[in-house]
C-alpha atoms as a PDB file:
ATOM      1  CA  MET A   1     -43.574 239.988 175.863  1.00  0.00           C
ATOM      2  CA  THR A   2     -42.853 243.462 177.123  1.00  0.00           C
ATOM      3  CA  GLY A   3     -43.437 244.982 180.474  1.00  0.00           C
ATOM      4  CA  THR A   4     -41.859 247.100 183.095  1.00  0.00           C
ATOM      5  CA  ALA A   5     -40.196 245.837 186.267  1.00  0.00           C
ATOM      6  CA  SER A   6     -41.212 247.344 189.578  1.00  0.00           C
ATOM      7  CA  THR A   7     -39.475 247.474 192.924  1.00  0.00           C
ATOM      8  CA  GLU A   8     -42.885 247.447 194.679  1.00  0.00           C
ATOM      9  CA  PRO A   9     -44.162 244.048 195.909  1.00  0.00           C
ATOM     10  CA  ARG A  10     -46.955 242.671 193.745  1.00  0.00           C
ATOM     11  CA  PRO A  11     -50.249 241.923 195.528  1.00  0.00           C
ATOM     12  CA  ASP A  12     -50.238 238.279 194.342  1.00  0.00           C
ATOM     13  CA  ALA A  13     -47.370 237.529 196.817  1.00  0.00           C
ATOM     14  CA  GLY A  14     -45.450 235.440 194.269  1.00  0.00           C
ATOM     15  CA  PRO A  15     -41.727 235.728 193.761  1.00  0.00           C
ATOM     16  CA  GLN A  16     -40.881 239.402 193.781  1.00  0.00           C
ATOM     17  CA  GLU A  17     -39.593 241.017 190.552  1.00  0.00           C
ATOM     18  CA  VAL A  18     -37.249 243.967 190.930  1.00  0.00           C
ATOM     19  CA  ALA A  19     -35.302 246.016 188.363  1.00  0.00           C
ATOM     20  CA  ALA A  20     -31.609 245.320 187.964  1.00  0.00           C
ATOM     21  CA  GLY A  21     -29.228 248.204 187.519  1.00  0.00           C
ATOM     22  CA  ASP A  22     -29.504 247.930 183.759  1.00  0.00           C
ATOM     23  CA  GLY A  23     -33.333 247.735 183.796  1.00  0.00           C
ATOM     24  CA  ARG A  24     -33.623 243.991 183.316  1.00  0.00           C
ATOM     25  CA  PRO A  25     -35.859 242.191 185.805  1.00  0.00           C
ATOM     26  CA  THR A  26     -34.305 240.029 188.516  1.00  0.00           C
ATOM     27  CA  TYR A  27     -36.130 237.703 190.819  1.00  0.00           C
ATOM     28  CA  GLU A  28     -35.827 236.673 194.448  1.00  0.00           C
ATOM     29  CA  VAL A  29     -34.880 233.070 194.986  1.00  0.00           C
ATOM     30  CA  VAL A  30     -37.500 231.019 196.800  1.00  0.00           C
ATOM     31  CA  TRP A  31     -37.459 227.524 198.253  1.00  0.00           C
ATOM     32  CA  PRO A  32     -39.918 225.331 196.310  1.00  0.00           C
ATOM     33  CA  LYS A  33     -40.766 223.120 199.270  1.00  0.00           C
ATOM     34  CA  SER A  34     -44.197 223.678 200.712  1.00  0.00           C
ATOM     35  CA  ALA A  35     -45.592 222.952 204.129  1.00  0.00           C
ATOM     36  CA  MET A  36     -46.303 219.324 204.832  1.00  0.00           C
ATOM     37  CA  GLY A  37     -49.859 218.515 203.624  1.00  0.00           C
ATOM     38  CA  ILE A  38     -50.266 215.238 205.444  1.00  0.00           C
ATOM     39  CA  GLN A  39     -48.826 213.834 208.597  1.00  0.00           C
ATOM     40  CA  PRO A  40     -46.292 210.930 208.310  1.00  0.00           C
ATOM     41  CA  GLN A  41     -47.709 207.506 208.957  1.00  0.00           C
ATOM     42  CA  ARG A  42     -45.912 204.643 210.513  1.00  0.00           C
ATOM     43  CA  SER A  43     -45.121 201.848 208.012  1.00  0.00           C
ATOM     44  CA  ALA A  44     -46.285 198.341 208.490  1.00  0.00           C
ATOM     45  CA  PRO A  45     -43.630 195.988 209.851  1.00  0.00           C
ATOM     46  CA  ARG A  46     -41.486 194.299 207.216  1.00  0.00           C
ATOM     47  CA  LEU A  47     -41.985 190.613 206.504  1.00  0.00           C
ATOM     48  CA  ASP A  48     -39.173 188.357 207.635  1.00  0.00           C
ATOM     49  CA  SER A  49     -39.231 186.703 204.184  1.00  0.00           C
ATOM     50  CA  PHE A  50     -41.390 186.657 201.081  1.00  0.00           C
ATOM     51  CA  ASP A  51     -41.361 182.797 201.268  1.00  0.00           C
ATOM     52  CA  GLY A  52     -44.984 181.618 201.220  1.00  0.00           C
ATOM     53  CA  SER A  53     -46.400 185.117 200.959  1.00  0.00           C
ATOM     54  CA  ARG A  54     -49.095 186.668 198.668  1.00  0.00           C
ATOM     55  CA  ILE A  55     -47.760 189.757 196.922  1.00  0.00           C
ATOM     56  CA  ALA A  56     -50.084 192.153 195.145  1.00  0.00           C
ATOM     57  CA  PHE A  57     -48.977 194.366 192.299  1.00  0.00           C
ATOM     58  CA  LEU A  58     -50.672 197.768 192.005  1.00  0.00           C
ATOM     59  CA  TRP A  59     -50.201 200.081 189.031  1.00  0.00           C
ATOM     60  CA  ASP A  60     -51.498 203.398 187.769  1.00  0.00           C
ATOM     61  CA  TYR A  61     -51.224 202.264 184.095  1.00  0.00           C
ATOM     62  CA  VAL A  62     -48.932 205.233 183.329  1.00  0.00           C
ATOM     63  CA  PHE A  63     -45.398 204.013 182.832  1.00  0.00           C
ATOM     64  CA  ARG A  64     -44.232 200.587 181.579  1.00  0.00           C
ATOM     65  CA  GLY A  65     -45.784 198.416 184.341  1.00  0.00           C
ATOM     66  CA  ASP A  66     -46.699 195.946 181.635  1.00  0.00           C
ATOM     67  CA  GLU A  67     -42.982 195.408 181.118  1.00  0.00           C
ATOM     68  CA  LEU A  68     -41.793 195.778 184.730  1.00  0.00           C
ATOM     69  CA  PHE A  69     -44.200 193.568 186.568  1.00  0.00           C
ATOM     70  CA  PRO A  70     -43.737 190.390 184.517  1.00  0.00           C
ATOM     71  CA  ALA A  71     -39.950 190.677 185.025  1.00  0.00           C
ATOM     72  CA  LEU A  72     -40.382 191.355 188.740  1.00  0.00           C
ATOM     73  CA  GLU A  73     -42.806 188.423 189.050  1.00  0.00           C
ATOM     74  CA  ARG A  74     -40.286 186.034 187.462  1.00  0.00           C
ATOM     75  CA  ALA A  75     -37.561 187.264 189.781  1.00  0.00           C
ATOM     76  CA  LEU A  76     -39.716 186.883 192.893  1.00  0.00           C
ATOM     77  CA  LEU A  77     -40.910 183.383 191.900  1.00  0.00           C
ATOM     78  CA  ASP A  78     -37.316 182.305 191.224  1.00  0.00           C
ATOM     79  CA  ARG A  79     -36.007 183.726 194.513  1.00  0.00           C
ATOM     80  CA  PHE A  80     -38.756 182.883 197.062  1.00  0.00           C
ATOM     81  CA  HIS A  81     -40.350 179.543 197.757  1.00  0.00           C
ATOM     82  CA  GLY A  82     -44.121 179.400 197.576  1.00  0.00           C
ATOM     83  CA  VAL A  83     -44.624 183.049 196.766  1.00  0.00           C
ATOM     84  CA  GLU A  84     -47.924 183.891 195.043  1.00  0.00           C
ATOM     85  CA  ILE A  85     -48.356 186.972 192.858  1.00  0.00           C
ATOM     86  CA  VAL A  86     -51.711 188.707 192.533  1.00  0.00           C
ATOM     87  CA  GLY A  87     -51.387 190.761 189.351  1.00  0.00           C
ATOM     88  CA  TYR A  88     -52.239 194.433 188.933  1.00  0.00           C
ATOM     89  CA  GLN A  89     -55.072 193.411 186.577  1.00  0.00           C
ATOM     90  CA  GLU A  90     -57.123 192.196 189.586  1.00  0.00           C
ATOM     91  CA  PHE A  91     -56.980 195.612 191.220  1.00  0.00           C
ATOM     92  CA  GLY A  92     -57.473 197.806 188.131  1.00  0.00           C
ATOM     93  CA  ASN A  93     -56.027 201.226 187.553  1.00  0.00           C
ATOM     94  CA  THR A  94     -55.038 203.072 190.769  1.00  0.00           C
ATOM     95  CA  HIS A  95     -55.171 206.428 188.984  1.00  0.00           C
ATOM     96  CA  GLY A  96     -58.107 208.069 187.324  1.00  0.00           C
ATOM     97  CA  ALA A  97     -61.617 209.324 187.838  1.00  0.00           C
ATOM     98  CA  ASP A  98     -62.363 206.823 190.650  1.00  0.00           C
ATOM     99  CA  GLU A  99     -58.911 206.984 192.229  1.00  0.00           C
ATOM    100  CA  LYS A 100     -60.097 208.450 195.561  1.00  0.00           C
ATOM    101  CA  GLU A 101     -62.716 205.752 196.107  1.00  0.00           C
ATOM    102  CA  ARG A 102     -60.443 202.950 194.868  1.00  0.00           C
ATOM    103  CA  ILE A 103     -57.603 203.965 197.276  1.00  0.00           C
ATOM    104  CA  ALA A 104     -60.071 204.417 200.150  1.00  0.00           C
ATOM    105  CA  THR A 105     -61.299 200.807 199.729  1.00  0.00           C
ATOM    106  CA  LEU A 106     -57.835 199.375 199.043  1.00  0.00           C
ATOM    107  CA  PRO A 107     -56.983 198.282 202.653  1.00  0.00           C
ATOM    108  CA  GLN A 108     -60.135 196.127 202.889  1.00  0.00           C
ATOM    109  CA  PHE A 109     -59.662 194.885 199.318  1.00  0.00           C
ATOM    110  CA  LEU A 110     -56.124 193.696 200.302  1.00  0.00           C
ATOM    111  CA  ARG A 111     -57.351 192.090 203.538  1.00  0.00           C
ATOM    112  CA  ASP A 112     -60.123 190.251 201.711  1.00  0.00           C
ATOM    113  CA  ARG A 113     -57.531 188.751 199.402  1.00  0.00           C
ATOM    114  CA  HIS A 114     -55.098 187.894 202.218  1.00  0.00           C
ATOM    115  CA  ILE A 115     -52.326 190.007 200.721  1.00  0.00           C
ATOM    116  CA  ASP A 116     -49.081 190.026 202.720  1.00  0.00           C
ATOM    117  CA  ALA A 117     -47.139 192.652 200.731  1.00  0.00           C
ATOM    118  CA  VAL A 118     -47.715 195.212 197.950  1.00  0.00           C
ATOM    119  CA  VAL A 119     -45.540 196.462 195.125  1.00  0.00           C
ATOM    120  CA  SER A 120     -47.051 199.724 193.843  1.00  0.00           C
ATOM    121  CA  GLY A 121     -45.823 201.027 190.524  1.00  0.00           C
ATOM    122  CA  MET A 122     -46.371 204.682 189.612  1.00  0.00           C
ATOM    123  CA  GLY A 123     -45.449 206.478 186.444  1.00  0.00           C
ATOM    124  CA  CYS A 124     -43.929 209.891 186.390  1.00  0.00           C
END
């Protein structure tokens, strides 16, 4: 790809390209962090213990949850008395065409099932 570098700012307001002394383009360094899009929310209080609690697994079906969640379930059942796991299969995929609606209804869905804690797995 060929082109010429300019010392004039481009109208698209992206990182500015300028000519180096030998004619090669150089670029300004920019910070990739954007303004905060949502306001922070206060987290729910932590449980004192998982003993006797119902824990829901949520997954976006992207990265190895089918391997992770069975191992995590075994560990939780071994460590905590009376814990009940509600598998990700009951909730369905948390990512996809109906993601916005599914997430909007999630709080009530969890309340209806008397869920005490959630483990949400997301792929990268």
